[in-house]
PDB file of N, CA and C in Angstrom:
ATOM      1  N   UNK A   1       8.060  -3.027  -0.665  1.00  0.00           N
ATOM      2  CA  UNK A   1       8.340  -3.774   0.524  1.00  0.00           C
ATOM      3  C   UNK A   1       7.025  -3.999   1.250  1.00  0.00           C
ATOM      4  N   UNK A   2       6.800  -5.184   1.740  1.00  0.00           N
ATOM      5  CA  UNK A   2       5.595  -5.524   2.493  1.00  0.00           C
ATOM      6  C   UNK A   2       6.004  -6.246   3.767  1.00  0.00           C
ATOM      7  N   UNK A   3       5.235  -6.054   4.812  1.00  0.00           N
ATOM      8  CA  UNK A   3       5.508  -6.715   6.080  1.00  0.00           C
ATOM      9  C   UNK A   3       4.211  -6.932   6.830  1.00  0.00           C
ATOM     10  N   UNK A   4       4.252  -7.807   7.809  1.00  0.00           N
ATOM     11  CA  UNK A   4       3.112  -8.031   8.696  1.00  0.00           C
ATOM     12  C   UNK A   4       3.466  -7.399  10.031  1.00  0.00           C
ATOM     13  N   UNK A   5       2.529  -6.664  10.597  1.00  0.00           N
ATOM     14  CA  UNK A   5       2.752  -5.957  11.851  1.00  0.00           C
ATOM     15  C   UNK A   5       3.284  -6.885  12.928  1.00  0.00           C
ATOM     16  N   UNK A   6       4.288  -6.428  13.681  1.00  0.00           N
ATOM     17  CA  UNK A   6       4.849  -7.236  14.761  1.00  0.00           C
ATOM     18  C   UNK A   6       3.983  -7.188  16.013  1.00  0.00           C
ATOM     19  N   UNK A   7       3.043  -6.235  16.068  1.00  0.00           N
ATOM     20  CA  UNK A   7       2.181  -6.112  17.236  1.00  0.00           C
ATOM     21  C   UNK A   7       0.852  -6.843  17.027  1.00  0.00           C
ATOM     22  N   UNK A   8       0.869  -7.931  16.293  1.00  0.00           N
ATOM     23  CA  UNK A   8      -0.381  -8.608  15.962  1.00  0.00           C
ATOM     24  C   UNK A   8      -1.199  -8.980  17.196  1.00  0.00           C
ATOM     25  N   UNK A   9      -0.540  -9.360  18.265  1.00  0.00           N
ATOM     26  CA  UNK A   9      -1.276  -9.781  19.452  1.00  0.00           C
ATOM     27  C   UNK A   9      -2.055  -8.630  20.062  1.00  0.00           C
ATOM     28  N   UNK A  10      -1.580  -7.387  19.922  1.00  0.00           N
ATOM     29  CA  UNK A  10      -2.247  -6.244  20.541  1.00  0.00           C
ATOM     30  C   UNK A  10      -3.331  -5.635  19.655  1.00  0.00           C
ATOM     31  N   UNK A  11      -3.453  -6.087  18.423  1.00  0.00           N
ATOM     32  CA  UNK A  11      -4.466  -5.558  17.515  1.00  0.00           C
ATOM     33  C   UNK A  11      -5.672  -6.483  17.491  1.00  0.00           C
ATOM     34  N   UNK A  12      -6.835  -5.906  17.178  1.00  0.00           N
ATOM     35  CA  UNK A  12      -8.028  -6.735  17.051  1.00  0.00           C
ATOM     36  C   UNK A  12      -8.072  -7.417  15.682  1.00  0.00           C
ATOM     37  N   UNK A  13      -7.148  -7.070  14.814  1.00  0.00           N
ATOM     38  CA  UNK A  13      -7.047  -7.680  13.494  1.00  0.00           C
ATOM     39  C   UNK A  13      -5.573  -7.775  13.125  1.00  0.00           C
ATOM     40  N   UNK A  14      -5.265  -8.648  12.195  1.00  0.00           N
ATOM     41  CA  UNK A  14      -3.889  -8.790  11.728  1.00  0.00           C
ATOM     42  C   UNK A  14      -3.683  -7.863  10.535  1.00  0.00           C
ATOM     43  N   UNK A  15      -2.748  -6.947  10.682  1.00  0.00           N
ATOM     44  CA  UNK A  15      -2.531  -5.898   9.688  1.00  0.00           C
ATOM     45  C   UNK A  15      -1.263  -6.158   8.893  1.00  0.00           C
ATOM     46  N   UNK A  16      -1.390  -6.152   7.573  1.00  0.00           N
ATOM     47  CA  UNK A  16      -0.250  -6.189   6.679  1.00  0.00           C
ATOM     48  C   UNK A  16      -0.002  -4.781   6.171  1.00  0.00           C
ATOM     49  N   UNK A  17       1.234  -4.454   5.891  1.00  0.00           N
ATOM     50  CA  UNK A  17       1.572  -3.105   5.452  1.00  0.00           C
ATOM     51  C   UNK A  17       2.402  -3.168   4.184  1.00  0.00           C
ATOM     52  N   UNK A  18       1.989  -2.429   3.176  1.00  0.00           N
ATOM     53  CA  UNK A  18       2.788  -2.260   1.970  1.00  0.00           C
ATOM     54  C   UNK A  18       3.418  -0.883   2.096  1.00  0.00           C
ATOM     55  N   UNK A  19       4.735  -0.859   2.286  1.00  0.00           N
ATOM     56  CA  UNK A  19       5.437   0.395   2.527  1.00  0.00           C
ATOM     57  C   UNK A  19       5.668   1.198   1.260  1.00  0.00           C
ATOM     58  N   UNK A  20       6.028   0.533   0.193  1.00  0.00           N
ATOM     59  CA  UNK A  20       6.385   1.278  -1.000  1.00  0.00           C
ATOM     60  C   UNK A  20       6.305   0.377  -2.221  1.00  0.00           C
ATOM     61  N   UNK A  21       5.823   0.947  -3.293  1.00  0.00           N
ATOM     62  CA  UNK A  21       5.812   0.255  -4.580  1.00  0.00           C
ATOM     63  C   UNK A  21       6.056   1.315  -5.648  1.00  0.00           C
ATOM     64  N   UNK A  22       6.789   0.957  -6.657  1.00  0.00           N
ATOM     65  CA  UNK A  22       7.028   1.908  -7.730  1.00  0.00           C
ATOM     66  C   UNK A  22       7.449   1.189  -8.994  1.00  0.00           C
ATOM     67  N   UNK A  23       7.049   1.766 -10.110  1.00  0.00           N
ATOM     68  CA  UNK A  23       7.445   1.253 -11.423  1.00  0.00           C
ATOM     69  C   UNK A  23       7.970   2.446 -12.209  1.00  0.00           C
ATOM     70  N   UNK A  24       9.148   2.343 -12.756  1.00  0.00           N
ATOM     71  CA  UNK A  24       9.729   3.430 -13.548  1.00  0.00           C
ATOM     72  C   UNK A  24       8.827   3.782 -14.725  1.00  0.00           C
ATOM     73  N   UNK A  25       8.788   5.057 -15.050  1.00  0.00           N
ATOM     74  CA  UNK A  25       7.883   5.568 -16.083  1.00  0.00           C
ATOM     75  C   UNK A  25       7.887   4.768 -17.391  1.00  0.00           C
ATOM     76  N   UNK A  26       9.045   4.383 -17.931  1.00  0.00           N
ATOM     77  CA  UNK A  26       9.014   3.659 -19.214  1.00  0.00           C
ATOM     78  C   UNK A  26       8.338   2.284 -19.133  1.00  0.00           C
ATOM     79  N   UNK A  27       8.169   1.774 -17.921  1.00  0.00           N
ATOM     80  CA  UNK A  27       7.618   0.423 -17.761  1.00  0.00           C
ATOM     81  C   UNK A  27       6.196   0.413 -17.200  1.00  0.00           C
ATOM     82  N   UNK A  28       5.598   1.594 -17.068  1.00  0.00           N
ATOM     83  CA  UNK A  28       4.222   1.670 -16.567  1.00  0.00           C
ATOM     84  C   UNK A  28       3.245   1.224 -17.638  1.00  0.00           C
ATOM     85  N   UNK A  29       2.063   0.850 -17.187  1.00  0.00           N
ATOM     86  CA  UNK A  29       0.972   0.393 -18.054  1.00  0.00           C
ATOM     87  C   UNK A  29       1.310  -0.921 -18.772  1.00  0.00           C
ATOM     88  N   UNK A  30       2.167  -1.726 -18.124  1.00  0.00           N
ATOM     89  CA  UNK A  30       2.522  -3.036 -18.677  1.00  0.00           C
ATOM     90  C   UNK A  30       2.086  -4.160 -17.732  1.00  0.00           C
ATOM     91  N   UNK A  31       1.393  -3.795 -16.649  1.00  0.00           N
ATOM     92  CA  UNK A  31       0.931  -4.800 -15.698  1.00  0.00           C
ATOM     93  C   UNK A  31       1.918  -5.109 -14.586  1.00  0.00           C
ATOM     94  N   UNK A  32       3.056  -4.426 -14.572  1.00  0.00           N
ATOM     95  CA  UNK A  32       4.082  -4.716 -13.570  1.00  0.00           C
ATOM     96  C   UNK A  32       3.615  -4.304 -12.179  1.00  0.00           C
ATOM     97  N   UNK A  33       3.056  -3.101 -12.057  1.00  0.00           N
ATOM     98  CA  UNK A  33       2.560  -2.641 -10.762  1.00  0.00           C
ATOM     99  C   UNK A  33       1.468  -3.539 -10.225  1.00  0.00           C
ATOM    100  N   UNK A  34       0.557  -3.939 -11.091  1.00  0.00           N
ATOM    101  CA  UNK A  34      -0.516  -4.843 -10.672  1.00  0.00           C
ATOM    102  C   UNK A  34       0.052  -6.171 -10.217  1.00  0.00           C
ATOM    103  N   UNK A  35       1.007  -6.714 -10.958  1.00  0.00           N
ATOM    104  CA  UNK A  35       1.629  -7.991 -10.581  1.00  0.00           C
ATOM    105  C   UNK A  35       2.332  -7.870  -9.229  1.00  0.00           C
ATOM    106  N   UNK A  36       3.055  -6.761  -9.019  1.00  0.00           N
ATOM    107  CA  UNK A  36       3.730  -6.558  -7.736  1.00  0.00           C
ATOM    108  C   UNK A  36       2.724  -6.468  -6.589  1.00  0.00           C
ATOM    109  N   UNK A  37       1.669  -5.695  -6.791  1.00  0.00           N
ATOM    110  CA  UNK A  37       0.660  -5.539  -5.745  1.00  0.00           C
ATOM    111  C   UNK A  37      -0.040  -6.866  -5.440  1.00  0.00           C
ATOM    112  N   UNK A  38      -0.414  -7.601  -6.468  1.00  0.00           N
ATOM    113  CA  UNK A  38      -1.094  -8.880  -6.243  1.00  0.00           C
ATOM    114  C   UNK A  38      -0.183  -9.871  -5.529  1.00  0.00           C
ATOM    115  N   UNK A  39       1.105  -9.854  -5.874  1.00  0.00           N
ATOM    116  CA  UNK A  39       2.061 -10.731  -5.184  1.00  0.00           C
ATOM    117  C   UNK A  39       2.186 -10.328  -3.718  1.00  0.00           C
ATOM    118  N   UNK A  40       2.249  -9.026  -3.452  1.00  0.00           N
ATOM    119  CA  UNK A  40       2.336  -8.555  -2.063  1.00  0.00           C
ATOM    120  C   UNK A  40       1.075  -8.911  -1.285  1.00  0.00           C
ATOM    121  N   UNK A  41      -0.084  -8.728  -1.907  1.00  0.00           N
ATOM    122  CA  UNK A  41      -1.352  -9.070  -1.253  1.00  0.00           C
ATOM    123  C   UNK A  41      -1.408 -10.560  -0.950  1.00  0.00           C
ATOM    124  N   UNK A  42      -1.017 -11.381  -1.916  1.00  0.00           N
ATOM    125  CA  UNK A  42      -1.001 -12.837  -1.695  1.00  0.00           C
ATOM    126  C   UNK A  42      -0.057 -13.213  -0.566  1.00  0.00           C
ATOM    127  N   UNK A  43       1.135 -12.611  -0.552  1.00  0.00           N
ATOM    128  CA  UNK A  43       2.120 -12.924   0.488  1.00  0.00           C
ATOM    129  C   UNK A  43       1.604 -12.517   1.858  1.00  0.00           C
ATOM    130  N   UNK A  44       1.072 -11.299   1.961  1.00  0.00           N
ATOM    131  CA  UNK A  44       0.551 -10.822   3.244  1.00  0.00           C
ATOM    132  C   UNK A  44      -0.607 -11.692   3.730  1.00  0.00           C
ATOM    133  N   UNK A  45      -1.476 -12.073   2.818  1.00  0.00           N
ATOM    134  CA  UNK A  45      -2.594 -12.951   3.170  1.00  0.00           C
ATOM    135  C   UNK A  45      -2.086 -14.300   3.666  1.00  0.00           C
ATOM    136  N   UNK A  46      -1.051 -14.828   3.021  1.00  0.00           N
ATOM    137  CA  UNK A  46      -0.501 -16.122   3.437  1.00  0.00           C
ATOM    138  C   UNK A  46       0.129 -16.053   4.824  1.00  0.00           C
ATOM    139  N   UNK A  47       0.528 -14.850   5.240  1.00  0.00           N
ATOM    140  CA  UNK A  47       1.114 -14.654   6.572  1.00  0.00           C
ATOM    141  C   UNK A  47       0.057 -14.315   7.617  1.00  0.00           C
ATOM    142  N   UNK A  48      -1.210 -14.310   7.217  1.00  0.00           N
ATOM    143  CA  UNK A  48      -2.294 -14.093   8.174  1.00  0.00           C
ATOM    144  C   UNK A  48      -2.868 -12.700   8.227  1.00  0.00           C
ATOM    145  N   UNK A  49      -2.442 -11.809   7.345  1.00  0.00           N
ATOM    146  CA  UNK A  49      -2.988 -10.449   7.355  1.00  0.00           C
ATOM    147  C   UNK A  49      -4.469 -10.482   7.006  1.00  0.00           C
ATOM    148  N   UNK A  50      -5.249  -9.727   7.777  1.00  0.00           N
ATOM    149  CA  UNK A  50      -6.688  -9.599   7.529  1.00  0.00           C
ATOM    150  C   UNK A  50      -7.026  -8.239   6.920  1.00  0.00           C
ATOM    151  N   UNK A  51      -6.138  -7.294   7.106  1.00  0.00           N
ATOM    152  CA  UNK A  51      -6.277  -5.941   6.572  1.00  0.00           C
ATOM    153  C   UNK A  51      -4.921  -5.551   6.005  1.00  0.00           C
ATOM    154  N   UNK A  52      -4.919  -4.878   4.862  1.00  0.00           N
ATOM    155  CA  UNK A  52      -3.662  -4.407   4.285  1.00  0.00           C
ATOM    156  C   UNK A  52      -3.713  -2.885   4.211  1.00  0.00           C
ATOM    157  N   UNK A  53      -2.654  -2.274   4.704  1.00  0.00           N
ATOM    158  CA  UNK A  53      -2.563  -0.822   4.772  1.00  0.00           C
ATOM    159  C   UNK A  53      -1.467  -0.330   3.839  1.00  0.00           C
ATOM    160  N   UNK A  54      -1.730   0.784   3.181  1.00  0.00           N
ATOM    161  CA  UNK A  54      -0.701   1.476   2.414  1.00  0.00           C
ATOM    162  C   UNK A  54      -1.020   2.956   2.432  1.00  0.00           C
ATOM    163  N   UNK A  55      -0.035   3.763   2.149  1.00  0.00           N
ATOM    164  CA  UNK A  55      -0.203   5.209   2.119  1.00  0.00           C
ATOM    165  C   UNK A  55       0.136   5.735   0.738  1.00  0.00           C
ATOM    166  N   UNK A  56      -0.598   6.766   0.332  1.00  0.00           N
ATOM    167  CA  UNK A  56      -0.287   7.449  -0.923  1.00  0.00           C
ATOM    168  C   UNK A  56      -0.728   8.893  -0.798  1.00  0.00           C
ATOM    169  N   UNK A  57      -0.235   9.715  -1.670  1.00  0.00           N
ATOM    170  CA  UNK A  57      -0.567  11.131  -1.698  1.00  0.00           C
ATOM    171  C   UNK A  57      -1.745  11.345  -2.644  1.00  0.00           C
ATOM    172  N   UNK A  58      -2.748  12.107  -2.194  1.00  0.00           N
ATOM    173  CA  UNK A  58      -3.897  12.417  -3.059  1.00  0.00           C
ATOM    174  C   UNK A  58      -3.475  13.060  -4.373  1.00  0.00           C
ATOM    175  N   UNK A  59      -2.402  13.827  -4.321  1.00  0.00           N
ATOM    176  CA  UNK A  59      -1.934  14.558  -5.501  1.00  0.00           C
ATOM    177  C   UNK A  59      -0.876  13.800  -6.293  1.00  0.00           C
ATOM    178  N   UNK A  60      -0.729  12.512  -6.032  1.00  0.00           N
ATOM    179  CA  UNK A  60       0.280  11.711  -6.712  1.00  0.00           C
ATOM    180  C   UNK A  60       0.092  11.838  -8.229  1.00  0.00           C
ATOM    181  N   UNK A  61       1.098  12.341  -8.951  1.00  0.00           N
ATOM    182  CA  UNK A  61       0.944  12.572 -10.391  1.00  0.00           C
ATOM    183  C   UNK A  61       0.858  11.292 -11.229  1.00  0.00           C
ATOM    184  N   UNK A  62       1.178  10.148 -10.641  1.00  0.00           N
ATOM    185  CA  UNK A  62       1.123   8.895 -11.401  1.00  0.00           C
ATOM    186  C   UNK A  62      -0.264   8.278 -11.412  1.00  0.00           C
ATOM    187  N   UNK A  63      -1.199   8.844 -10.650  1.00  0.00           N
ATOM    188  CA  UNK A  63      -2.539   8.271 -10.583  1.00  0.00           C
ATOM    189  C   UNK A  63      -2.635   7.113  -9.615  1.00  0.00           C
ATOM    190  N   UNK A  64      -1.716   7.042  -8.652  1.00  0.00           N
ATOM    191  CA  UNK A  64      -1.684   5.924  -7.707  1.00  0.00           C
ATOM    192  C   UNK A  64      -2.996   5.723  -6.951  1.00  0.00           C
ATOM    193  N   UNK A  65      -3.683   6.780  -6.480  1.00  0.00           N
ATOM    194  CA  UNK A  65      -4.932   6.536  -5.750  1.00  0.00           C
ATOM    195  C   UNK A  65      -5.964   5.752  -6.580  1.00  0.00           C
ATOM    196  N   UNK A  66      -6.091   6.078  -7.845  1.00  0.00           N
ATOM    197  CA  UNK A  66      -7.037   5.354  -8.712  1.00  0.00           C
ATOM    198  C   UNK A  66      -6.560   3.915  -8.951  1.00  0.00           C
ATOM    199  N   UNK A  67      -5.254   3.732  -9.085  1.00  0.00           N
ATOM    200  CA  UNK A  67      -4.681   2.385  -9.256  1.00  0.00           C
ATOM    201  C   UNK A  67      -5.020   1.512  -8.056  1.00  0.00           C
ATOM    202  N   UNK A  68      -4.799   2.037  -6.849  1.00  0.00           N
ATOM    203  CA  UNK A  68      -5.099   1.264  -5.641  1.00  0.00           C
ATOM    204  C   UNK A  68      -6.592   0.994  -5.513  1.00  0.00           C
ATOM    205  N   UNK A  69      -7.412   1.962  -5.889  1.00  0.00           N
ATOM    206  CA  UNK A  69      -8.869   1.767  -5.840  1.00  0.00           C
ATOM    207  C   UNK A  69      -9.295   0.630  -6.756  1.00  0.00           C
ATOM    208  N   UNK A  70      -8.667   0.535  -7.930  1.00  0.00           N
ATOM    209  CA  UNK A  70      -8.996  -0.574  -8.845  1.00  0.00           C
ATOM    210  C   UNK A  70      -8.650  -1.928  -8.248  1.00  0.00           C
ATOM    211  N   UNK A  71      -7.704  -1.948  -7.312  1.00  0.00           N
ATOM    212  CA  UNK A  71      -7.321  -3.200  -6.652  1.00  0.00           C
ATOM    213  C   UNK A  71      -8.164  -3.470  -5.405  1.00  0.00           C
ATOM    214  N   UNK A  72      -9.118  -2.578  -5.117  1.00  0.00           N
ATOM    215  CA  UNK A  72     -10.033  -2.803  -4.003  1.00  0.00           C
ATOM    216  C   UNK A  72      -9.723  -2.014  -2.741  1.00  0.00           C
ATOM    217  N   UNK A  73      -8.683  -1.195  -2.759  1.00  0.00           N
ATOM    218  CA  UNK A  73      -8.358  -0.399  -1.584  1.00  0.00           C
ATOM    219  C   UNK A  73      -9.322   0.772  -1.461  1.00  0.00           C
ATOM    220  N   UNK A  74      -9.665   1.108  -0.229  1.00  0.00           N
ATOM    221  CA  UNK A  74     -10.567   2.215   0.057  1.00  0.00           C
ATOM    222  C   UNK A  74      -9.891   3.184   1.011  1.00  0.00           C
ATOM    223  N   UNK A  75     -10.221   4.456   0.862  1.00  0.00           N
ATOM    224  CA  UNK A  75      -9.662   5.483   1.754  1.00  0.00           C
ATOM    225  C   UNK A  75     -10.107   5.202   3.185  1.00  0.00           C
ATOM    226  N   UNK A  76      -9.149   5.146   4.101  1.00  0.00           N
ATOM    227  CA  UNK A  76      -9.461   4.908   5.510  1.00  0.00           C
ATOM    228  C   UNK A  76      -9.375   6.206   6.307  1.00  0.00           C
ATOM    229  N   UNK A  77      -8.426   7.054   5.970  1.00  0.00           N
ATOM    230  CA  UNK A  77      -8.285   8.351   6.637  1.00  0.00           C
ATOM    231  C   UNK A  77      -7.344   9.232   5.838  1.00  0.00           C
ATOM    232  N   UNK A  78      -7.378  10.510   6.138  1.00  0.00           N
ATOM    233  CA  UNK A  78      -6.455  11.463   5.531  1.00  0.00           C
ATOM    234  C   UNK A  78      -5.478  11.932   6.587  1.00  0.00           C
ATOM    235  N   UNK A  79      -4.258  12.118   6.188  1.00  0.00           N
ATOM    236  CA  UNK A  79      -3.232  12.577   7.121  1.00  0.00           C
ATOM    237  C   UNK A  79      -2.672  13.921   6.684  1.00  0.00           C
ATOM    238  N   UNK A  80      -1.928  14.504   7.556  1.00  0.00           N
ATOM    239  CA  UNK A  80      -1.267  15.769   7.278  1.00  0.00           C
ATOM    240  C   UNK A  80       0.148  15.673   7.806  1.00  0.00           C
ATOM    241  N   UNK A  81       1.097  15.956   6.965  1.00  0.00           N
ATOM    242  CA  UNK A  81       2.508  15.933   7.357  1.00  0.00           C
ATOM    243  C   UNK A  81       2.991  17.362   7.413  1.00  0.00           C
ATOM    244  N   UNK A  82       3.544  17.745   8.548  1.00  0.00           N
ATOM    245  CA  UNK A  82       4.067  19.099   8.736  1.00  0.00           C
ATOM    246  C   UNK A  82       5.571  19.048   8.890  1.00  0.00           C
ATOM    247  N   UNK A  83       6.267  19.961   8.262  1.00  0.00           N
ATOM    248  CA  UNK A  83       7.718  20.053   8.357  1.00  0.00           C
ATOM    249  C   UNK A  83       8.102  21.466   8.722  1.00  0.00           C
ATOM    250  N   UNK A  84       9.196  21.602   9.429  1.00  0.00           N
ATOM    251  CA  UNK A  84       9.768  22.906   9.698  1.00  0.00           C
ATOM    252  C   UNK A  84      11.213  22.874   9.241  1.00  0.00           C
ATOM    253  N   UNK A  85      11.573  23.758   8.356  1.00  0.00           N
ATOM    254  CA  UNK A  85      12.955  23.817   7.897  1.00  0.00           C
ATOM    255  C   UNK A  85      13.788  24.484   8.978  1.00  0.00           C
ATOM    256  N   UNK A  86      14.925  23.894   9.294  1.00  0.00           N
ATOM    257  CA  UNK A  86      15.810  24.429  10.332  1.00  0.00           C
ATOM    258  C   UNK A  86      17.058  25.019   9.717  1.00  0.00           C
TER     259      UNK A  86
END
């Protein structure tokens, strides 16, 4: 899923966001993920996005960080998610 930020007027740049992408294991390494990402990038660019944001886990077992790097994405920051079980 991809979207363009609704707060574009309040940002100094127009931000596109790719929320989630996935390809089932049997269909990986067939160019499907790349095709999906390029289509999302093209769509976001056509809507005026100047920056595209996505999140991934450093420890992602599918190699997603390297995949995104091959598409030109660069690490912008690291986050930490904390949970408390109730």
